[in-house]
Amino acid sequence: MQHDDVDTGPAPRAARPGRRPRTLALVVAATVLAGTVTGAAPVAAEQPTAPDLDPAVTGDPFFSYDRPAEHGVAVEEAVRVPLRDGAFVVCDVSRPAGADGSPAPGRFPGIVNDYTAYGRASGPDWLVTRGYVVLNCDPRGSGDSPGSLDPFSAQEQRDNADVVDWLGTREYSTGEVGQFGTSYGAHIALLTATQQPEHLTTVVPVNGISDWYENTVYHGGVETPRINAWQASTAPETLVTYRQHPLYDDYWRERSVKADWDRLDVPVLQVNGWYDRYRDGMVENLVARPQNVWMVSGPWEHARTDGLSTGAYLAWFDHWLKDLPGAPLPAARITSYEGPRPGAGTGWTQFATWPAPGVRSQQVRFTRDGRLATAGGRPGTSTYPVNPSDGQNPDEAAADATRLTWTTDPLEEDLVLAGSVHVALQAAFSASDGNIAVRLHDVAPDGTVTRVSAGWLKASHRQGHTAEVPVEPGRTYELGVDVWPTHYRFPAGHSLRLAVTSGDWPDMGADAPAGTVSVRVGAGGSTAALPLLDTPAG
């Protein structure tokens, strides 16, 4: 899309009593600035299969840990687990078994596995055979458990906490219980941890939230149709309920980890994907709780963990639940795969903190001629017609022709982003509200455009999601849009692009009012802060 040339003139829990404590050069506008688990197929961008996380790759034995199975598996099905209000949930109990198939004598740690409304899971037997009691349940109102399903509510969190403490008080239990889950199971594991059940020792969420409203239902205050099919099949009443709460209120605080970060105090191993729909929540949890949260983040889409063996999970549980001296923790708090693909970057790397040591913020400006530069040049505006249905063309290069874009010159050397790009967009709307989507793209020398990440904001939510603020047509506002985090290498010869539009289906609903959006550029206009990681080339 052409940029208009218009002159406009000159932002762990302390131990409970009786329990064991537990610069890179950026060339812009010709200026130099200083047991594998798999799931659904990837959809958002180029997403490779990551190489195995073994010591040869990371030097970290955590990822290749294992020990022999010692037991069989004895399953007691359809056990009614009582809840504090007199109700019950139905669970299957898998216990270590002896040679005769009966439960082995002694006490074992417990694991609540994937507490979801999708039907009781089975196993995982690799944990049971190594001396864990595993509980698989139907939450209230799902499967064989009576009642009304209300995903991630305070009721479901209390129920899950009761299940944890029930398991921790069985005669065959050591009293130490962990919880493991993916997506739904990860969300509720994190939320339940903030309830602080007495026997919960650790949780392992794979693709979990920090906040259900922000991560899933309302991106930047814009309703997200991505989950409508999930709602219809799993909890159809939420198709009505969620729309009754377009602003952030107590309904959403109840379904938020971040609202209770101070209560998330057990050790947490987060498994994240840099292309996953919950990557922002996973990073937020890590940054908020660096003392008790670890993160492994690969080049994965939702529910994929290609290359990550079950030995890593076993090492984690053996360390926290069995206190085995040979069970290591990860060598660093963060183990991250530098995208986009094997051979393009350094692959698996480890950091002590996030943002990673060596990350610095580099400001770039949006220019009148569609470039990103350190100097903005003469002030002006660039305008586009509102296009709320944008996002349905999988060809990003073709779609970018209908958007406002700002692109660096081809890079003279590799550039690595590690974190979130913050865009301070100076924008005016012809209507009394509007939606903004900012896409981060990698442009190859042959013109191929790869989506790396994106961020969203409804203009009336620019001061937060608890209340709308007025949008006066024609008036310019600064909109702070945080592009979801990434760890990504742009190779030399490629360009970094930011594309602005009013639609990003299905991450944004197509509800932007008709009209135009004008973006102030040049000196005093829109800027972006890039989280540059000073790192050697791959």
Protein backbone atom coordinates (compact mmCIF):
# COMPACT_ATOMS: atom_id res chain seq x y z
CA MET A 1 0.00 0.00 0.00
CA GLN A 2 1.30 3.48 -0.81
CA HIS A 3 2.13 5.85 2.03
CA ASP A 4 0.52 9.27 1.69
CA ASP A 5 2.97 12.20 1.50
CA VAL A 6 1.20 14.72 3.72
CA ASP A 7 3.10 17.25 5.88
CA THR A 8 1.76 17.61 9.43
CA GLY A 9 4.41 19.90 10.93
CA PRO A 10 6.90 19.55 13.54
CA ALA A 11 6.13 4.92 26.63
CA PRO A 12 9.27 -19.78 46.02
CA ARG A 13 6.61 -19.50 48.40
CA ALA A 14 8.40 -19.69 51.73
CA ALA A 15 8.45 -23.31 52.86
CA ARG A 16 5.23 -24.27 54.61
CA PRO A 17 5.64 -25.68 58.11
CA GLY A 18 6.72 -29.32 57.94
CA ARG A 19 7.47 -29.20 54.19
CA ARG A 20 10.73 -29.21 52.27
CA PRO A 21 11.70 -25.81 50.83
CA ARG A 22 11.89 -26.01 47.31
CA THR A 23 24.49 -4.93 20.17
CA LEU A 24 24.01 -5.97 17.24
CA ALA A 25 24.38 -3.81 14.08
CA LEU A 26 20.99 -3.12 12.48
CA VAL A 27 21.06 -1.70 8.98
CA VAL A 28 18.00 0.43 8.45
CA ALA A 29 17.42 2.87 5.63
CA ALA A 30 21.10 2.58 4.68
CA THR A 31 22.07 3.73 8.20
CA VAL A 32 24.02 1.47 10.58
CA LEU A 33 22.50 1.33 14.05
CA ALA A 34 24.63 0.51 16.61
CA GLY A 35 9.90 -39.46 24.21
CA THR A 36 8.75 -36.93 22.02
CA VAL A 37 5.28 -35.43 22.42
CA THR A 38 3.51 -34.13 19.32
CA GLY A 39 0.15 -32.52 18.64
CA ALA A 40 -1.73 -30.41 16.12
CA ALA A 41 -0.02 -29.31 12.90
CA PRO A 42 1.58 -25.85 12.88
CA VAL A 43 -0.28 -23.13 11.03
CA ALA A 44 1.09 -19.65 11.69
CA ALA A 45 4.53 -19.52 10.06
CA GLU A 46 7.52 -21.59 9.06
CA GLN A 47 7.90 -23.98 12.02
CA PRO A 48 10.62 -26.60 11.90
CA THR A 49 11.01 -29.74 13.91
CA ALA A 50 13.55 -28.87 16.57
CA PRO A 51 16.58 -31.08 17.07
CA ASP A 52 16.60 -33.16 20.23
CA LEU A 53 17.44 -31.38 23.46
CA ASP A 54 20.32 -33.65 24.37
CA PRO A 55 23.67 -32.86 26.02
CA ALA A 56 25.38 -32.71 22.63
CA VAL A 57 23.12 -29.75 21.77
CA THR A 58 22.74 -27.94 25.09
CA GLY A 59 25.35 -29.50 27.36
CA ASP A 60 22.49 -29.96 29.81
CA PRO A 61 21.81 -33.50 31.14
CA PHE A 62 18.35 -32.45 32.28
CA PHE A 63 17.06 -33.13 28.78
CA SER A 64 18.44 -36.66 28.48
CA TYR A 65 17.70 -37.85 32.01
CA ASP A 66 16.14 -41.29 32.44
CA ARG A 67 16.04 -44.24 34.81
CA PRO A 68 14.64 -47.75 34.41
CA ALA A 69 11.01 -48.64 34.98
CA GLU A 70 10.55 -50.55 38.24
CA HIS A 71 6.83 -51.33 38.37
CA GLY A 72 3.80 -52.45 36.47
CA VAL A 73 0.54 -50.49 36.34
CA ALA A 74 -2.60 -51.14 38.39
CA VAL A 75 -5.62 -49.01 37.46
CA GLU A 76 -8.68 -48.40 39.62
CA GLU A 77 -11.36 -46.89 37.41
CA ALA A 78 -14.23 -44.51 38.14
CA VAL A 79 -13.22 -43.54 41.66
CA ARG A 80 -15.44 -40.86 43.18
CA VAL A 81 -13.23 -38.13 44.66
CA PRO A 82 -15.17 -36.02 47.18
CA LEU A 83 -15.19 -32.22 46.99
CA ARG A 84 -15.61 -29.71 49.80
CA ASP A 85 -19.21 -28.81 48.86
CA GLY A 86 -20.41 -32.44 48.94
CA ALA A 87 -20.14 -33.01 45.20
CA PHE A 88 -17.62 -35.38 43.59
CA VAL A 89 -15.57 -35.84 40.45
CA VAL A 90 -14.83 -39.17 38.81
CA CYS A 91 -11.19 -40.17 38.39
CA ASP A 92 -9.07 -43.14 37.38
CA VAL A 93 -6.19 -43.93 39.72
CA SER A 94 -3.08 -45.53 38.19
CA ARG A 95 -0.74 -46.98 40.82
CA PRO A 96 2.66 -48.69 40.61
CA ALA A 97 2.07 -52.45 40.58
CA GLY A 98 4.03 -55.53 41.56
CA ALA A 99 4.71 -58.59 39.45
CA ASP A 100 1.27 -59.98 40.24
CA GLY A 101 -0.46 -56.84 38.93
CA SER A 102 -1.71 -55.68 42.33
CA PRO A 103 -0.72 -52.27 43.75
CA ALA A 104 2.84 -52.26 45.03
CA PRO A 105 3.36 -51.71 48.75
CA GLY A 106 4.77 -48.46 50.02
CA ARG A 107 4.12 -44.77 49.46
CA PHE A 108 4.60 -42.89 46.22
CA PRO A 109 4.33 -39.25 45.08
CA GLY A 110 1.25 -38.34 43.07
CA ILE A 111 0.60 -36.50 39.82
CA VAL A 112 -2.70 -35.03 38.68
CA ASN A 113 -2.57 -35.40 34.90
CA ASP A 114 -4.28 -33.10 32.39
CA TYR A 115 -7.33 -31.99 34.38
CA THR A 116 -9.50 -31.16 31.33
CA ALA A 117 -13.08 -31.49 30.13
CA TYR A 118 -12.04 -33.55 27.10
CA GLY A 119 -12.57 -36.98 28.67
CA ARG A 120 -10.34 -38.72 31.16
CA ALA A 121 -6.82 -39.25 29.90
CA SER A 122 -4.93 -42.48 30.53
CA GLY A 123 -1.49 -42.95 32.03
CA PRO A 124 1.07 -41.73 31.37
CA ASP A 125 2.39 -45.19 32.18
CA TRP A 126 6.03 -44.10 31.96
CA LEU A 127 5.45 -42.15 35.19
CA VAL A 128 3.54 -44.92 36.93
CA THR A 129 6.18 -47.53 36.14
CA ARG A 130 8.80 -45.24 37.66
CA GLY A 131 7.01 -44.92 40.96
CA TYR A 132 4.27 -42.30 40.66
CA VAL A 133 0.54 -42.52 41.36
CA VAL A 134 -1.25 -40.77 38.49
CA LEU A 135 -4.78 -39.39 38.70
CA ASN A 136 -6.88 -38.72 35.58
CA CYS A 137 -10.20 -36.97 36.21
CA ASP A 138 -13.32 -35.58 34.61
CA PRO A 139 -13.79 -32.05 36.00
CA ARG A 140 -17.20 -31.13 37.40
CA GLY A 141 -19.81 -31.07 34.64
CA SER A 142 -17.78 -33.14 32.16
CA GLY A 143 -17.55 -36.84 31.36
CA ASP A 144 -18.85 -38.91 34.28
CA SER A 145 -18.67 -36.07 36.81
CA PRO A 146 -22.05 -34.46 37.57
CA GLY A 147 -22.67 -30.73 37.77
CA SER A 148 -22.11 -27.72 35.56
CA LEU A 149 -18.84 -27.16 33.68
CA ASP A 150 -17.33 -23.69 34.09
CA PRO A 151 -13.78 -23.81 32.70
CA PHE A 152 -11.10 -22.07 34.78
CA SER A 153 -13.60 -20.61 37.25
CA ALA A 154 -12.99 -20.35 40.99
CA GLN A 155 -15.21 -23.42 41.37
CA GLU A 156 -13.08 -25.49 39.02
CA GLN A 157 -9.92 -24.27 40.74
CA ARG A 158 -11.29 -25.26 44.17
CA ASP A 159 -12.33 -28.65 42.82
CA ASN A 160 -8.86 -29.21 41.35
CA ALA A 161 -7.27 -28.19 44.67
CA ASP A 162 -9.50 -30.71 46.47
CA VAL A 163 -8.41 -33.42 44.04
CA VAL A 164 -4.74 -32.59 44.74
CA ASP A 165 -5.23 -32.78 48.49
CA TRP A 166 -7.29 -35.97 48.23
CA LEU A 167 -4.44 -37.62 46.36
CA GLY A 168 -1.89 -36.30 48.84
CA THR A 169 -3.71 -37.85 51.79
CA ARG A 170 -4.12 -41.40 50.44
CA GLU A 171 -2.49 -44.16 52.46
CA TYR A 172 -0.26 -44.93 49.45
CA SER A 173 0.85 -41.29 49.04
CA THR A 174 4.01 -39.59 50.29
CA GLY A 175 2.01 -36.37 50.51
CA GLU A 176 3.91 -34.79 47.61
CA VAL A 177 1.75 -34.07 44.54
CA GLY A 178 2.58 -32.49 41.20
CA GLN A 179 0.30 -31.49 38.35
CA PHE A 180 0.96 -31.73 34.61
CA GLY A 181 -1.17 -30.50 31.71
CA THR A 182 -1.28 -29.08 28.20
CA SER A 183 -3.40 -26.09 27.13
CA TYR A 184 -6.65 -26.46 29.17
CA GLY A 185 -4.72 -28.73 31.54
CA ALA A 186 -1.91 -26.15 31.77
CA HIS A 187 -4.28 -23.24 32.42
CA ILE A 188 -6.02 -24.98 35.30
CA ALA A 189 -2.73 -26.27 36.74
CA LEU A 190 -1.40 -22.70 37.00
CA LEU A 191 -4.68 -21.36 38.37
CA THR A 192 -4.92 -24.18 40.91
CA ALA A 193 -1.38 -23.44 42.07
CA THR A 194 -2.56 -19.96 43.08
CA GLN A 195 -5.13 -21.69 45.32
CA GLN A 196 -2.14 -23.14 47.23
CA PRO A 197 -3.51 -26.61 48.02
CA GLU A 198 -1.57 -28.09 50.95
CA HIS A 199 -0.11 -31.05 49.04
CA LEU A 200 0.76 -29.35 45.74
CA THR A 201 4.55 -29.32 45.35
CA THR A 202 5.09 -28.40 41.69
CA VAL A 203 3.30 -27.89 38.35
CA VAL A 204 4.36 -28.44 34.74
CA PRO A 205 2.14 -26.42 32.34
CA VAL A 206 2.63 -26.86 28.59
CA ASN A 207 1.19 -23.81 26.77
CA GLY A 208 -0.55 -22.14 29.70
CA ILE A 209 -2.04 -18.72 30.37
CA SER A 210 -1.19 -15.75 32.51
CA ASP A 211 -4.67 -14.30 31.94
CA TRP A 212 -7.62 -15.89 30.15
CA TYR A 213 -9.07 -12.53 29.03
CA GLU A 214 -5.87 -11.11 27.55
CA ASN A 215 -4.27 -14.30 26.20
CA THR A 216 -7.36 -15.91 24.71
CA VAL A 217 -10.70 -14.13 24.67
CA TYR A 218 -10.00 -10.42 24.05
CA HIS A 219 -6.72 -9.65 22.31
CA GLY A 220 -5.94 -6.04 23.15
CA GLY A 221 -9.62 -5.64 24.02
CA VAL A 222 -10.82 -7.08 20.68
CA GLU A 223 -12.95 -10.23 20.84
CA THR A 224 -11.07 -13.23 19.44
CA PRO A 225 -13.06 -15.67 17.26
CA ARG A 226 -10.17 -18.17 17.34
CA ILE A 227 -11.75 -19.94 20.34
CA ASN A 228 -15.37 -19.91 19.19
CA ALA A 229 -15.24 -23.52 17.96
CA TRP A 230 -13.72 -24.59 21.28
CA GLN A 231 -16.48 -22.78 23.14
CA ALA A 232 -19.23 -24.36 21.04
CA SER A 233 -17.89 -27.88 21.56
CA THR A 234 -16.72 -27.66 25.17
CA ALA A 235 -18.60 -24.91 27.04
CA PRO A 236 -21.32 -23.44 24.79
CA GLU A 237 -22.72 -21.18 27.51
CA THR A 238 -19.51 -19.16 27.36
CA LEU A 239 -20.49 -17.99 23.86
CA VAL A 240 -22.96 -15.80 25.73
CA THR A 241 -21.15 -15.26 29.03
CA TYR A 242 -17.85 -14.04 27.60
CA ARG A 243 -19.61 -11.41 25.49
CA GLN A 244 -21.35 -10.15 28.62
CA HIS A 245 -17.92 -9.16 29.96
CA PRO A 246 -16.15 -7.16 27.21
CA LEU A 247 -14.19 -5.23 29.85
CA TYR A 248 -11.78 -6.65 32.38
CA ASP A 249 -13.74 -7.19 35.59
CA ASP A 250 -13.95 -9.63 38.52
CA TYR A 251 -15.23 -12.35 36.18
CA TRP A 252 -11.86 -12.31 34.41
CA ARG A 253 -9.75 -11.70 37.52
CA GLU A 254 -11.14 -15.00 38.79
CA ARG A 255 -9.66 -16.66 35.68
CA SER A 256 -6.28 -14.93 35.89
CA VAL A 257 -2.92 -16.19 37.08
CA LYS A 258 -1.42 -12.70 36.97
CA ALA A 259 -4.09 -11.41 39.36
CA ASP A 260 -2.58 -13.82 41.93
CA TRP A 261 1.07 -13.96 40.89
CA ASP A 262 2.07 -13.47 44.52
CA ARG A 263 0.39 -16.81 45.28
CA LEU A 264 2.12 -18.71 42.45
CA ASP A 265 4.94 -19.91 44.67
CA VAL A 266 5.59 -23.60 43.89
CA PRO A 267 8.32 -24.54 41.39
CA VAL A 268 6.95 -24.26 37.85
CA LEU A 269 8.40 -25.75 34.66
CA GLN A 270 6.75 -23.96 31.76
CA VAL A 271 6.99 -25.50 28.30
CA ASN A 272 6.30 -22.83 25.71
CA GLY A 273 6.29 -22.51 21.92
CA TRP A 274 7.45 -19.38 20.13
CA TYR A 275 4.54 -19.86 17.70
CA ASP A 276 2.03 -20.86 20.36
CA ARG A 277 -1.08 -18.83 21.14
CA TYR A 278 -0.09 -18.61 24.83
CA ARG A 279 3.53 -17.53 24.47
CA ASP A 280 2.83 -14.06 25.86
CA GLY A 281 1.27 -15.54 29.00
CA MET A 282 4.13 -17.98 29.50
CA VAL A 283 6.72 -15.19 29.25
CA GLU A 284 4.69 -12.95 31.56
CA ASN A 285 4.62 -15.66 34.24
CA LEU A 286 8.37 -16.15 33.91
CA VAL A 287 9.15 -12.45 34.22
CA ALA A 288 6.75 -12.01 37.15
CA ARG A 289 8.05 -15.04 39.10
CA PRO A 290 11.74 -15.47 38.16
CA GLN A 291 12.56 -17.06 41.52
CA ASN A 292 10.37 -20.15 41.01
CA VAL A 293 9.58 -20.40 37.28
CA TRP A 294 11.74 -22.11 34.64
CA MET A 295 10.89 -22.11 30.91
CA VAL A 296 11.71 -24.27 27.91
CA SER A 297 10.58 -22.57 24.69
CA GLY A 298 10.90 -24.22 21.28
CA PRO A 299 9.96 -23.39 17.67
CA TRP A 300 6.56 -24.95 18.24
CA GLU A 301 2.91 -24.24 17.54
CA HIS A 302 0.14 -25.10 19.98
CA ALA A 303 0.52 -28.41 21.87
CA ARG A 304 3.72 -29.36 20.02
CA THR A 305 6.95 -30.20 21.83
CA ASP A 306 8.94 -31.91 19.05
CA GLY A 307 12.38 -33.01 20.24
CA LEU A 308 11.61 -32.70 23.96
CA SER A 309 11.84 -36.15 25.54
CA THR A 310 9.78 -37.35 28.49
CA GLY A 311 13.06 -37.60 30.40
CA ALA A 312 12.98 -33.84 31.06
CA TYR A 313 9.60 -34.15 32.79
CA LEU A 314 10.83 -37.18 34.73
CA ALA A 315 13.91 -35.27 35.90
CA TRP A 316 11.71 -32.41 37.10
CA PHE A 317 9.32 -34.63 39.03
CA ASP A 318 12.11 -36.82 40.41
CA HIS A 319 13.84 -33.69 41.71
CA TRP A 320 10.85 -32.03 43.37
CA LEU A 321 8.63 -34.99 44.30
CA LYS A 322 11.17 -37.74 45.03
CA ASP A 323 14.18 -35.63 45.99
CA LEU A 324 16.46 -37.98 44.04
CA PRO A 325 20.05 -36.70 44.18
CA GLY A 326 20.75 -37.66 40.56
CA ALA A 327 17.73 -35.81 39.15
CA PRO A 328 18.96 -32.48 37.77
CA LEU A 329 17.18 -29.22 37.23
CA PRO A 330 17.72 -27.38 33.93
CA ALA A 331 21.16 -25.80 33.85
CA ALA A 332 19.57 -22.38 33.28
CA ARG A 333 16.22 -20.76 33.96
CA ILE A 334 15.46 -20.38 30.25
CA THR A 335 16.19 -22.86 27.48
CA SER A 336 15.12 -21.28 24.20
CA TYR A 337 15.27 -22.21 20.54
CA GLU A 338 16.38 -19.34 18.37
CA GLY A 339 14.20 -19.43 15.26
CA PRO A 340 13.34 -19.66 12.51
CA ARG A 341 14.82 -23.00 11.44
CA PRO A 342 17.80 -25.32 11.91
CA GLY A 343 20.84 -23.76 10.31
CA ALA A 344 19.57 -20.17 10.38
CA GLY A 345 20.58 -19.38 13.95
CA THR A 346 22.21 -20.80 17.03
CA GLY A 347 19.33 -23.21 17.75
CA TRP A 348 19.00 -24.17 21.40
CA THR A 349 20.48 -21.62 23.79
CA GLN A 350 20.20 -21.07 27.54
CA PHE A 351 19.83 -17.86 29.52
CA ALA A 352 19.91 -17.06 33.23
CA THR A 353 17.19 -14.40 32.93
CA TRP A 354 14.55 -13.06 30.58
CA PRO A 355 14.90 -10.62 28.99
CA ALA A 356 18.14 -12.39 28.14
CA PRO A 357 21.45 -10.86 29.21
CA GLY A 358 22.74 -8.72 26.36
CA VAL A 359 19.31 -7.58 25.16
CA ARG A 360 19.10 -3.86 24.49
CA SER A 361 16.25 -1.75 23.22
CA GLN A 362 16.80 -0.08 19.84
CA GLN A 363 14.32 2.57 18.74
CA VAL A 364 13.41 2.84 15.07
CA ARG A 365 11.06 5.33 13.44
CA PHE A 366 8.37 4.98 10.80
CA THR A 367 9.19 7.13 7.78
CA ARG A 368 7.03 8.71 5.10
CA ASP A 369 8.38 6.37 2.43
CA GLY A 370 7.66 3.12 4.28
CA ARG A 371 11.05 2.50 5.84
CA LEU A 372 12.17 1.83 9.42
CA ALA A 373 15.04 4.18 10.29
CA THR A 374 16.86 5.71 13.23
CA ALA A 375 15.97 9.15 11.91
CA GLY A 376 12.33 9.75 11.05
CA GLY A 377 12.80 12.47 8.47
CA ARG A 378 10.10 15.00 7.64
CA PRO A 379 6.78 14.56 9.48
CA GLY A 380 3.81 13.24 7.57
CA THR A 381 0.90 10.81 7.68
CA SER A 382 0.16 7.48 6.06
CA THR A 383 -3.47 6.44 5.72
CA TYR A 384 -5.27 3.17 4.99
CA PRO A 385 -8.93 2.17 4.67
CA VAL A 386 -10.18 -0.02 7.52
CA ASN A 387 -9.97 -3.68 6.50
CA PRO A 388 -11.45 -5.70 9.40
CA SER A 389 -11.46 -9.04 7.55
CA ASP A 390 -7.70 -8.95 6.95
CA GLY A 391 -5.93 -12.17 7.88
CA GLN A 392 -7.76 -14.62 5.64
CA ASN A 393 -5.16 -14.54 2.85
CA PRO A 394 -2.34 -17.00 3.73
CA ASP A 395 -0.01 -15.22 1.29
CA GLU A 396 1.49 -12.58 3.57
CA ALA A 397 3.42 -10.93 0.75
CA ALA A 398 0.24 -10.34 -1.25
CA ALA A 399 -1.67 -9.28 1.86
CA ASP A 400 1.03 -6.79 2.81
CA ALA A 401 0.27 -4.91 -0.39
CA THR A 402 -3.09 -3.96 1.18
CA ARG A 403 -1.55 -2.86 4.50
CA LEU A 404 0.66 -0.05 5.67
CA THR A 405 4.16 -1.47 5.98
CA TRP A 406 7.51 -0.20 7.18
CA THR A 407 10.57 -2.25 6.24
CA THR A 408 14.30 -2.12 6.91
CA ASP A 409 16.80 -2.21 4.10
CA PRO A 410 18.31 -5.69 3.60
CA LEU A 411 20.37 -6.44 6.70
CA GLU A 412 24.15 -6.38 6.33
CA GLU A 413 24.49 -8.84 9.20
CA ASP A 414 22.22 -11.08 11.23
CA LEU A 415 19.78 -9.46 13.64
CA VAL A 416 18.30 -11.35 16.61
CA LEU A 417 15.16 -10.31 18.49
CA ALA A 418 14.65 -11.77 21.98
CA GLY A 419 11.53 -10.36 23.59
CA SER A 420 8.57 -8.18 22.62
CA VAL A 421 8.64 -5.37 20.08
CA HIS A 422 6.87 -2.34 21.55
CA VAL A 423 5.20 -0.09 18.99
CA ALA A 424 4.19 3.46 19.94
CA LEU A 425 1.73 4.14 17.13
CA GLN A 426 0.50 7.71 16.62
CA ALA A 427 -2.88 7.11 14.99
CA ALA A 428 -6.13 8.91 14.24
CA PHE A 429 -9.45 7.26 13.33
CA SER A 430 -12.27 8.61 11.20
CA ALA A 431 -14.69 6.63 13.43
CA SER A 432 -15.33 6.79 17.20
CA ASP A 433 -13.24 3.65 17.82
CA GLY A 434 -10.92 1.36 15.93
CA ASN A 435 -8.78 -1.77 16.04
CA ILE A 436 -5.06 -2.01 15.35
CA ALA A 437 -3.05 -5.11 14.47
CA VAL A 438 0.73 -4.87 14.17
CA ARG A 439 2.45 -7.80 12.44
CA LEU A 440 6.16 -8.55 12.68
CA HIS A 441 7.39 -10.05 9.40
CA ASP A 442 10.62 -11.51 8.05
CA VAL A 443 11.09 -10.54 4.38
CA ALA A 444 13.47 -12.82 2.45
CA PRO A 445 15.55 -11.65 -0.51
CA ASP A 446 13.16 -13.42 -2.92
CA GLY A 447 10.19 -11.48 -1.47
CA THR A 448 8.79 -14.33 0.64
CA VAL A 449 7.16 -12.93 3.78
CA THR A 450 7.06 -14.99 6.99
CA ARG A 451 4.94 -13.98 9.94
CA VAL A 452 6.99 -13.96 13.14
CA SER A 453 4.55 -12.47 15.66
CA ALA A 454 1.81 -9.87 16.14
CA GLY A 455 0.13 -7.59 18.66
CA TRP A 456 -3.33 -6.03 18.87
CA LEU A 457 -5.20 -3.14 20.48
CA LYS A 458 -8.66 -1.59 20.45
CA ALA A 459 -8.24 2.20 20.50
CA SER A 460 -10.78 2.70 23.29
CA HIS A 461 -8.70 0.29 25.43
CA ARG A 462 -5.46 2.26 25.05
CA GLN A 463 -5.42 3.06 28.80
CA GLY A 464 -6.29 -0.48 29.87
CA HIS A 465 -9.14 -2.97 29.68
CA THR A 466 -11.12 -2.08 32.81
CA ALA A 467 -12.89 0.88 31.13
CA GLU A 468 -13.21 2.30 27.65
CA VAL A 469 -11.91 5.80 26.98
CA PRO A 470 -13.35 8.03 24.26
CA VAL A 471 -11.94 8.13 20.75
CA GLU A 472 -12.57 11.47 19.06
CA PRO A 473 -12.67 11.10 15.27
CA GLY A 474 -9.71 12.83 13.63
CA ARG A 475 -7.73 13.24 16.85
CA THR A 476 -4.30 11.56 17.05
CA TYR A 477 -3.64 9.23 19.97
CA GLU A 478 -0.57 7.28 21.01
CA LEU A 479 -1.40 3.59 21.03
CA GLY A 480 1.06 1.29 22.77
CA VAL A 481 0.96 -2.08 21.01
CA ASP A 482 3.11 -4.89 22.38
CA VAL A 483 3.94 -7.50 19.76
CA TRP A 484 3.99 -10.92 21.42
CA PRO A 485 7.49 -12.12 22.32
CA THR A 486 9.79 -14.05 20.07
CA HIS A 487 13.37 -15.36 19.88
CA TYR A 488 14.15 -15.08 16.21
CA ARG A 489 17.15 -14.47 13.94
CA PHE A 490 16.71 -12.37 10.79
CA PRO A 491 19.60 -13.52 8.56
CA ALA A 492 21.80 -11.10 6.66
CA GLY A 493 20.11 -10.14 3.40
CA HIS A 494 16.62 -10.36 4.94
CA SER A 495 14.57 -7.37 6.10
CA LEU A 496 12.45 -6.79 9.19
CA ARG A 497 8.97 -5.45 8.50
CA LEU A 498 6.15 -4.04 10.65
CA ALA A 499 2.72 -4.14 8.97
CA VAL A 500 -0.26 -2.20 10.35
CA THR A 501 -3.90 -2.98 9.63
CA SER A 502 -7.29 -3.16 11.36
CA GLY A 503 -7.85 -6.91 11.05
CA ASP A 504 -6.07 -10.13 11.92
CA TRP A 505 -8.53 -12.99 11.59
CA PRO A 506 -8.90 -15.14 13.67
CA ASP A 507 -6.87 -13.37 16.38
CA MET A 508 -9.16 -10.33 16.08
CA GLY A 509 -12.84 -10.23 15.36
CA ALA A 510 -13.94 -8.26 12.28
CA ASP A 511 -15.69 -5.53 14.29
CA ALA A 512 -13.61 -2.45 13.44
CA PRO A 513 -15.84 0.46 12.36
CA ALA A 514 -15.63 1.45 8.69
CA GLY A 515 -13.52 4.43 7.71
CA THR A 516 -9.83 5.23 7.63
CA VAL A 517 -6.86 5.14 9.96
CA SER A 518 -4.09 7.73 9.65
CA VAL A 519 -0.67 7.01 11.13
CA ARG A 520 1.68 9.87 11.99
CA VAL A 521 5.19 9.18 10.73
CA GLY A 522 8.54 10.94 10.48
CA ALA A 523 10.00 13.14 13.20
CA GLY A 524 7.72 13.12 16.26
CA GLY A 525 5.67 10.28 14.79
CA SER A 526 5.34 6.53 15.35
CA THR A 527 8.23 4.46 16.69
CA ALA A 528 9.10 0.88 17.57
CA ALA A 529 11.47 -0.45 20.24
CA LEU A 530 13.26 -3.61 19.09
CA PRO A 531 14.69 -6.02 21.71
CA LEU A 532 18.05 -6.73 20.07
CA LEU A 533 20.17 -9.59 21.39
CA ASP A 534 23.90 -9.26 20.91
CA THR A 535 24.76 -12.82 19.96
CA PRO A 536 27.19 -14.54 17.59
CA ALA A 537 25.94 -15.67 14.20
CA GLY A 538 24.84 -19.30 13.79
